């Protein structure tokens, strides 16, 4: 079984392709990372900074058996009675994932 890779970034889905732009979130508590990226507290007025990880987009072709796992923050797909839980939702339907986005 392949290891699941967690990615942070901005995504756009067109047809059966997912275009992904990496970024990292640096929190004020991560002083080592701030120093590495030459960030100051003034650069982080909300306590964090969003930094582009690289300049190149990545493109993935979506297979028919893609499993989308996301937090259903708007309670579009989970039952109302479960809305106080973690709201984690899993689907193989691309349309549901696009609705979530």
Protein backbone atom coordinates (compact mmCIF):
# COMPACT_ATOMS: atom_id res chain seq x y z
CA UNK A 1 0.00 0.00 0.00
CA UNK A 2 1.32 3.44 -0.92
CA UNK A 3 1.95 5.99 1.79
CA UNK A 4 -0.52 8.88 1.84
CA UNK A 5 1.09 12.22 1.08
CA UNK A 6 -0.35 15.29 2.81
CA UNK A 7 -0.14 18.43 0.68
CA UNK A 8 -0.85 22.05 1.60
CA UNK A 9 -1.69 24.41 -1.20
CA UNK A 10 -4.20 25.82 -3.64
CA UNK A 11 -5.96 23.48 -6.05
CA UNK A 12 -7.94 23.87 -9.24
CA UNK A 13 -9.68 20.97 -10.94
CA UNK A 14 -10.31 21.13 -14.68
CA UNK A 15 -11.80 18.07 -16.35
CA UNK A 16 -9.79 15.15 -14.95
CA UNK A 17 -6.72 17.16 -13.97
CA UNK A 18 -5.89 18.61 -10.59
CA UNK A 19 -3.53 21.60 -10.69
CA UNK A 20 -1.74 22.13 -7.40
CA UNK A 21 0.28 25.11 -6.15
CA UNK A 22 2.30 24.31 -3.01
CA UNK A 23 2.54 26.67 -0.09
CA UNK A 24 3.58 26.41 3.53
CA UNK A 25 2.06 28.02 6.58
CA UNK A 26 4.59 29.37 9.06
CA UNK A 27 3.26 30.12 12.54
CA UNK A 28 4.68 32.71 14.91
CA UNK A 29 5.70 29.92 17.32
CA UNK A 30 8.03 28.38 14.72
CA UNK A 31 10.98 30.72 15.37
CA UNK A 32 13.46 28.42 13.62
CA UNK A 33 11.41 28.38 10.41
CA UNK A 34 10.88 32.17 10.64
CA UNK A 35 14.64 32.67 10.85
CA UNK A 36 15.23 30.27 7.96
CA UNK A 37 12.78 32.24 5.77
CA UNK A 38 13.95 35.62 7.09
CA UNK A 39 10.48 36.46 8.45
CA UNK A 40 9.82 38.94 11.24
CA UNK A 41 6.79 39.35 13.49
CA UNK A 42 5.83 42.35 11.33
CA UNK A 43 5.53 39.94 8.38
CA UNK A 44 2.95 37.95 10.36
CA UNK A 45 0.27 40.36 11.66
CA UNK A 46 -2.22 37.50 12.11
CA UNK A 47 0.31 35.18 13.75
CA UNK A 48 1.20 33.28 10.58
CA UNK A 49 2.52 33.71 7.04
CA UNK A 50 1.64 31.80 3.88
CA UNK A 51 4.70 31.22 1.72
CA UNK A 52 4.87 29.73 -1.77
CA UNK A 53 6.90 26.56 -1.51
CA UNK A 54 8.02 26.66 -5.13
CA UNK A 55 7.08 28.46 -8.31
CA UNK A 56 6.01 25.42 -10.35
CA UNK A 57 2.48 24.05 -10.38
CA UNK A 58 2.07 20.31 -10.22
CA UNK A 59 -0.57 18.57 -12.29
CA UNK A 60 -2.15 15.25 -11.38
CA UNK A 61 -4.48 13.22 -13.55
CA UNK A 62 -7.48 12.08 -11.54
CA UNK A 63 -8.20 8.38 -11.81
CA UNK A 64 -11.75 7.06 -11.58
CA UNK A 65 -11.04 5.51 -8.19
CA UNK A 66 -9.88 8.72 -6.46
CA UNK A 67 -11.00 8.98 -2.85
CA UNK A 68 -11.61 12.54 -1.67
CA UNK A 69 -11.33 13.10 2.08
CA UNK A 70 -12.14 16.55 3.45
CA UNK A 71 -13.73 18.33 6.39
CA UNK A 72 -17.35 19.14 5.57
CA UNK A 73 -17.28 22.57 7.22
CA UNK A 74 -20.59 23.68 5.66
CA UNK A 75 -22.41 20.43 6.55
CA UNK A 76 -23.30 19.74 2.91
CA UNK A 77 -22.83 15.97 3.08
CA UNK A 78 -22.75 14.75 6.67
CA UNK A 79 -25.90 14.27 8.70
CA UNK A 80 -26.91 17.24 10.81
CA UNK A 81 -26.86 14.99 13.89
CA UNK A 82 -23.12 14.33 13.33
CA UNK A 83 -22.23 18.00 12.81
CA UNK A 84 -20.70 18.31 16.29
CA UNK A 85 -18.05 15.68 15.43
CA UNK A 86 -14.93 16.08 13.31
CA UNK A 87 -17.00 16.45 10.11
CA UNK A 88 -14.54 14.33 8.14
CA UNK A 89 -16.21 13.19 4.92
CA UNK A 90 -15.04 10.63 2.37
CA UNK A 91 -16.41 10.26 -1.15
CA UNK A 92 -15.42 8.98 -4.58
CA UNK A 93 -17.68 11.55 -6.28
CA UNK A 94 -15.74 14.40 -7.87
CA UNK A 95 -18.90 16.56 -7.99
CA UNK A 96 -19.23 16.40 -4.20
CA UNK A 97 -15.60 17.41 -3.79
CA UNK A 98 -16.06 20.32 -6.21
CA UNK A 99 -19.16 21.43 -4.28
CA UNK A 100 -17.04 21.43 -1.13
CA UNK A 101 -14.43 23.64 -2.80
